[in-house]
Amino acid sequence: MDALVEFSQTGNLGPLQKDMTAVEVVRLLGPPDSSRWIQGDDNVQHYRYGSLSLRFRRRLGDPAGDENLLLRSLRLSFDRLPFELPEPVASRLEHRWLSTRLDDVLAVFYQANAEAVLDYESVKDGEIYQRYRVGERRVSLNVFDGEVVDIEG
């Protein structure tokens, strides 16, 4: 099964699972291309691996240290195609993912029997923003003017 389709159904992206520690993620994927703390919040850190962004959060009261940072959300940006992903994730992609067109992306999910439901839509200055809920794990497909921007969960 393609890693993005699996992500929509399970919330896991290839070998990445929510609640993994930052230490486990680095052991699996290697050091991130970049990392940053959220300004004003010492409990939230972002790691970037090419097209993939990971958000970690430390529980309030937990001591400092990467072993206490837990993976809370994953975001895959469609702005760089083909995707730039660490090998353990890239090896799980079965579809080539060369198009950002909403119809093309939804077709892949529908072929795998992963339901995508329009969850939100807004129009401002003639531009349309849509958010689709994909699968049962509250994974969102974010769309701007008919082009998929990212998928996150």
C-alpha atoms as a PDB file:
ATOM      1  CA  MET A   1       0.000   0.000   0.000  1.00  0.00           C
ATOM      2  CA  ASP A   2       1.275   3.479  -0.818  1.00  0.00           C
ATOM      3  CA  ALA A   3       2.651   5.342   2.209  1.00  0.00           C
ATOM      4  CA  LEU A   4       0.318   8.349   1.744  1.00  0.00           C
ATOM      5  CA  VAL A   5      -2.737   6.144   1.450  1.00  0.00           C
ATOM      6  CA  GLU A   6      -1.616   4.253   4.553  1.00  0.00           C
ATOM      7  CA  PHE A   7      -1.075   7.613   6.306  1.00  0.00           C
ATOM      8  CA  SER A   8      -4.703   8.552   5.627  1.00  0.00           C
ATOM      9  CA  GLN A   9      -5.912   5.265   7.070  1.00  0.00           C
ATOM     10  CA  THR A  10      -3.583   4.725  10.034  1.00  0.00           C
ATOM     11  CA  GLY A  11      -1.971   8.082  10.816  1.00  0.00           C
ATOM     12  CA  ASN A  12       1.444   6.448  10.250  1.00  0.00           C
ATOM     13  CA  LEU A  13       3.704   7.515   7.389  1.00  0.00           C
ATOM     14  CA  GLY A  14       5.778   4.504   6.466  1.00  0.00           C
ATOM     15  CA  PRO A  15       7.804   3.679   9.592  1.00  0.00           C
ATOM     16  CA  LEU A  16       6.856   6.957  11.338  1.00  0.00           C
ATOM     17  CA  GLN A  17       4.255   6.695  14.065  1.00  0.00           C
ATOM     18  CA  LYS A  18       2.817   9.333  16.335  1.00  0.00           C
ATOM     19  CA  ASP A  19       4.279   9.336  19.839  1.00  0.00           C
ATOM     20  CA  MET A  20       7.726   8.231  18.630  1.00  0.00           C
ATOM     21  CA  THR A  21      10.423  10.221  20.396  1.00  0.00           C
ATOM     22  CA  ALA A  22      12.730  12.600  18.548  1.00  0.00           C
ATOM     23  CA  VAL A  23      15.578  10.229  19.407  1.00  0.00           C
ATOM     24  CA  GLU A  24      13.760   7.308  17.727  1.00  0.00           C
ATOM     25  CA  VAL A  25      12.997   9.401  14.638  1.00  0.00           C
ATOM     26  CA  VAL A  26      16.621  10.526  14.245  1.00  0.00           C
ATOM     27  CA  ARG A  27      17.789   6.942  14.731  1.00  0.00           C
ATOM     28  CA  LEU A  28      15.426   5.884  11.928  1.00  0.00           C
ATOM     29  CA  LEU A  29      15.790   8.797   9.470  1.00  0.00           C
ATOM     30  CA  GLY A  30      19.107  10.375  10.399  1.00  0.00           C
ATOM     31  CA  PRO A  31      19.551  13.999  11.439  1.00  0.00           C
ATOM     32  CA  PRO A  32      16.955  16.431  10.043  1.00  0.00           C
ATOM     33  CA  ASP A  33      17.803  18.889   7.266  1.00  0.00           C
ATOM     34  CA  SER A  34      16.759  21.611   9.698  1.00  0.00           C
ATOM     35  CA  SER A  35      15.126  21.955  13.080  1.00  0.00           C
ATOM     36  CA  ARG A  36      13.715  24.841  15.056  1.00  0.00           C
ATOM     37  CA  TRP A  37      11.932  25.512  18.300  1.00  0.00           C
ATOM     38  CA  ILE A  38       8.636  27.341  18.140  1.00  0.00           C
ATOM     39  CA  GLN A  39       9.301  30.874  19.315  1.00  0.00           C
ATOM     40  CA  GLY A  40       8.024  31.352  22.839  1.00  0.00           C
ATOM     41  CA  ASP A  41       7.312  27.651  23.385  1.00  0.00           C
ATOM     42  CA  ASP A  42      10.187  25.469  24.598  1.00  0.00           C
ATOM     43  CA  ASN A  43       7.943  22.411  24.408  1.00  0.00           C
ATOM     44  CA  VAL A  44       7.420  22.354  20.602  1.00  0.00           C
ATOM     45  CA  GLN A  45      10.067  21.634  17.994  1.00  0.00           C
ATOM     46  CA  HIS A  46       9.861  21.160  14.213  1.00  0.00           C
ATOM     47  CA  TYR A  47      12.135  18.892  12.171  1.00  0.00           C
ATOM     48  CA  ARG A  48      12.340  19.155   8.397  1.00  0.00           C
ATOM     49  CA  TYR A  49      13.351  16.301   6.079  1.00  0.00           C
ATOM     50  CA  GLY A  50      12.974  17.666   2.527  1.00  0.00           C
ATOM     51  CA  SER A  51       9.227  17.692   1.805  1.00  0.00           C
ATOM     52  CA  LEU A  52       8.385  16.254   5.233  1.00  0.00           C
ATOM     53  CA  SER A  53       7.846  18.341   8.379  1.00  0.00           C
ATOM     54  CA  LEU A  54       7.523  16.706  11.790  1.00  0.00           C
ATOM     55  CA  ARG A  55       6.192  18.464  14.872  1.00  0.00           C
ATOM     56  CA  PHE A  56       7.267  17.259  18.287  1.00  0.00           C
ATOM     57  CA  ARG A  57       5.833  18.297  21.647  1.00  0.00           C
ATOM     58  CA  ARG A  58       7.144  17.724  25.128  1.00  0.00           C
ATOM     59  CA  ARG A  59       4.511  17.098  27.774  1.00  0.00           C
ATOM     60  CA  LEU A  60       4.260  19.881  30.297  1.00  0.00           C
ATOM     61  CA  GLY A  61       6.427  19.082  33.262  1.00  0.00           C
ATOM     62  CA  ASP A  62       8.701  16.647  31.369  1.00  0.00           C
ATOM     63  CA  PRO A  63      12.409  17.438  31.661  1.00  0.00           C
ATOM     64  CA  ALA A  64      14.301  18.847  28.670  1.00  0.00           C
ATOM     65  CA  GLY A  65      15.803  16.352  26.250  1.00  0.00           C
ATOM     66  CA  ASP A  66      14.990  14.860  22.851  1.00  0.00           C
ATOM     67  CA  GLU A  67      13.919  11.609  24.513  1.00  0.00           C
ATOM     68  CA  ASN A  68      10.928  13.537  25.907  1.00  0.00           C
ATOM     69  CA  LEU A  69       9.896  15.140  22.596  1.00  0.00           C
ATOM     70  CA  LEU A  70       7.010  13.096  21.141  1.00  0.00           C
ATOM     71  CA  LEU A  71       5.970  13.146  17.489  1.00  0.00           C
ATOM     72  CA  ARG A  72       2.554  14.784  17.346  1.00  0.00           C
ATOM     73  CA  SER A  73       1.972  15.671  13.702  1.00  0.00           C
ATOM     74  CA  LEU A  74       3.336  15.030  10.239  1.00  0.00           C
ATOM     75  CA  ARG A  75       2.999  17.294   7.206  1.00  0.00           C
ATOM     76  CA  LEU A  76       4.013  16.429   3.671  1.00  0.00           C
ATOM     77  CA  SER A  77       4.352  19.441   1.392  1.00  0.00           C
ATOM     78  CA  PHE A  78       3.364  19.078  -2.253  1.00  0.00           C
ATOM     79  CA  ASP A  79       5.366  22.162  -3.292  1.00  0.00           C
ATOM     80  CA  ARG A  80       8.366  20.055  -4.314  1.00  0.00           C
ATOM     81  CA  LEU A  81       7.517  17.204  -6.628  1.00  0.00           C
ATOM     82  CA  PRO A  82       8.782  14.617  -6.813  1.00  0.00           C
ATOM     83  CA  PHE A  83       8.866  14.446  -3.023  1.00  0.00           C
ATOM     84  CA  GLU A  84      12.193  14.803  -1.244  1.00  0.00           C
ATOM     85  CA  LEU A  85      11.943  12.193   1.489  1.00  0.00           C
ATOM     86  CA  PRO A  86      14.263  10.133   3.665  1.00  0.00           C
ATOM     87  CA  GLU A  87      14.713   6.633   2.264  1.00  0.00           C
ATOM     88  CA  PRO A  88      12.700   4.758   4.941  1.00  0.00           C
ATOM     89  CA  VAL A  89       9.644   6.820   3.905  1.00  0.00           C
ATOM     90  CA  ALA A  90      10.398   7.180   0.172  1.00  0.00           C
ATOM     91  CA  SER A  91      10.761   3.417  -0.222  1.00  0.00           C
ATOM     92  CA  ARG A  92       7.134   3.007   0.875  1.00  0.00           C
ATOM     93  CA  LEU A  93       5.704   5.217  -1.899  1.00  0.00           C
ATOM     94  CA  GLU A  94       4.132   3.097  -4.611  1.00  0.00           C
ATOM     95  CA  HIS A  95       2.561   5.929  -6.581  1.00  0.00           C
ATOM     96  CA  ARG A  96       4.838   8.419  -8.363  1.00  0.00           C
ATOM     97  CA  TRP A  97       3.006  11.522  -6.993  1.00  0.00           C
ATOM     98  CA  LEU A  98       3.988  13.873  -9.826  1.00  0.00           C
ATOM     99  CA  SER A  99       0.823  15.970  -9.900  1.00  0.00           C
ATOM    100  CA  THR A 100      -0.597  18.429  -7.393  1.00  0.00           C
ATOM    101  CA  ARG A 101      -3.979  18.600  -9.154  1.00  0.00           C
ATOM    102  CA  LEU A 102      -6.745  17.751  -6.714  1.00  0.00           C
ATOM    103  CA  ASP A 103      -8.453  15.372  -9.140  1.00  0.00           C
ATOM    104  CA  ASP A 104      -5.230  13.423  -9.688  1.00  0.00           C
ATOM    105  CA  VAL A 105      -4.478  13.148  -5.966  1.00  0.00           C
ATOM    106  CA  LEU A 106      -8.036  12.157  -5.046  1.00  0.00           C
ATOM    107  CA  ALA A 107      -8.017   9.499  -7.779  1.00  0.00           C
ATOM    108  CA  VAL A 108      -5.120   7.738  -6.030  1.00  0.00           C
ATOM    109  CA  PHE A 109      -6.994   7.717  -2.729  1.00  0.00           C
ATOM    110  CA  TYR A 110     -10.246   6.545  -4.335  1.00  0.00           C
ATOM    111  CA  GLN A 111      -8.441   3.706  -6.141  1.00  0.00           C
ATOM    112  CA  ALA A 112      -7.245   2.511  -2.722  1.00  0.00           C
ATOM    113  CA  ASN A 113     -10.767   2.851  -1.258  1.00  0.00           C
ATOM    114  CA  ALA A 114      -9.687   5.730   0.978  1.00  0.00           C
ATOM    115  CA  GLU A 115     -12.596   8.125   1.248  1.00  0.00           C
ATOM    116  CA  ALA A 116     -11.931  11.877   0.967  1.00  0.00           C
ATOM    117  CA  VAL A 117     -14.701  14.182   2.186  1.00  0.00           C
ATOM    118  CA  LEU A 118     -14.835  17.963   1.767  1.00  0.00           C
ATOM    119  CA  ASP A 119     -14.578  19.241   5.334  1.00  0.00           C
ATOM    120  CA  TYR A 120     -14.188  23.004   4.827  1.00  0.00           C
ATOM    121  CA  GLU A 121     -14.272  25.514   2.006  1.00  0.00           C
ATOM    122  CA  SER A 122     -13.786  29.270   1.814  1.00  0.00           C
ATOM    123  CA  VAL A 123     -13.576  31.774  -1.012  1.00  0.00           C
ATOM    124  CA  LYS A 124     -11.714  35.044  -0.669  1.00  0.00           C
ATOM    125  CA  ASP A 125     -10.935  37.425  -3.517  1.00  0.00           C
ATOM    126  CA  GLY A 126     -11.877  34.710  -6.014  1.00  0.00           C
ATOM    127  CA  GLU A 127      -9.408  32.190  -4.552  1.00  0.00           C
ATOM    128  CA  ILE A 128     -10.752  28.921  -3.191  1.00  0.00           C
ATOM    129  CA  TYR A 129      -9.330  27.137  -0.157  1.00  0.00           C
ATOM    130  CA  GLN A 130     -10.582  23.630   0.606  1.00  0.00           C
ATOM    131  CA  ARG A 131      -9.750  21.059   3.240  1.00  0.00           C
ATOM    132  CA  TYR A 132     -10.586  17.403   2.713  1.00  0.00           C
ATOM    133  CA  ARG A 133     -10.662  14.852   5.514  1.00  0.00           C
ATOM    134  CA  VAL A 134      -9.124  11.634   4.251  1.00  0.00           C
ATOM    135  CA  GLY A 135      -9.636   8.312   5.972  1.00  0.00           C
ATOM    136  CA  GLU A 136     -10.607   7.856   9.579  1.00  0.00           C
ATOM    137  CA  ARG A 137      -7.524   9.322  11.280  1.00  0.00           C
ATOM    138  CA  ARG A 138      -8.322  13.017  10.781  1.00  0.00           C
ATOM    139  CA  VAL A 139      -5.723  13.428   8.076  1.00  0.00           C
ATOM    140  CA  SER A 140      -6.284  16.629   6.108  1.00  0.00           C
ATOM    141  CA  LEU A 141      -5.607  17.316   2.461  1.00  0.00           C
ATOM    142  CA  ASN A 142      -5.251  21.094   2.029  1.00  0.00           C
ATOM    143  CA  VAL A 143      -6.110  22.526  -1.387  1.00  0.00           C
ATOM    144  CA  PHE A 144      -5.695  26.016  -2.829  1.00  0.00           C
ATOM    145  CA  ASP A 145      -7.336  26.812  -6.184  1.00  0.00           C
ATOM    146  CA  GLY A 146      -7.516  23.153  -7.192  1.00  0.00           C
ATOM    147  CA  GLU A 147      -3.890  22.340  -6.306  1.00  0.00           C
ATOM    148  CA  VAL A 148      -2.967  20.206  -3.308  1.00  0.00           C
ATOM    149  CA  VAL A 149      -0.680  22.164  -0.977  1.00  0.00           C
ATOM    150  CA  ASP A 150      -0.031  19.514   1.671  1.00  0.00           C
ATOM    151  CA  ILE A 151      -1.359  16.552   3.570  1.00  0.00           C
ATOM    152  CA  GLU A 152      -1.128  16.564   7.333  1.00  0.00           C
ATOM    153  CA  GLY A 153      -2.211  14.620  10.327  1.00  0.00           C
END
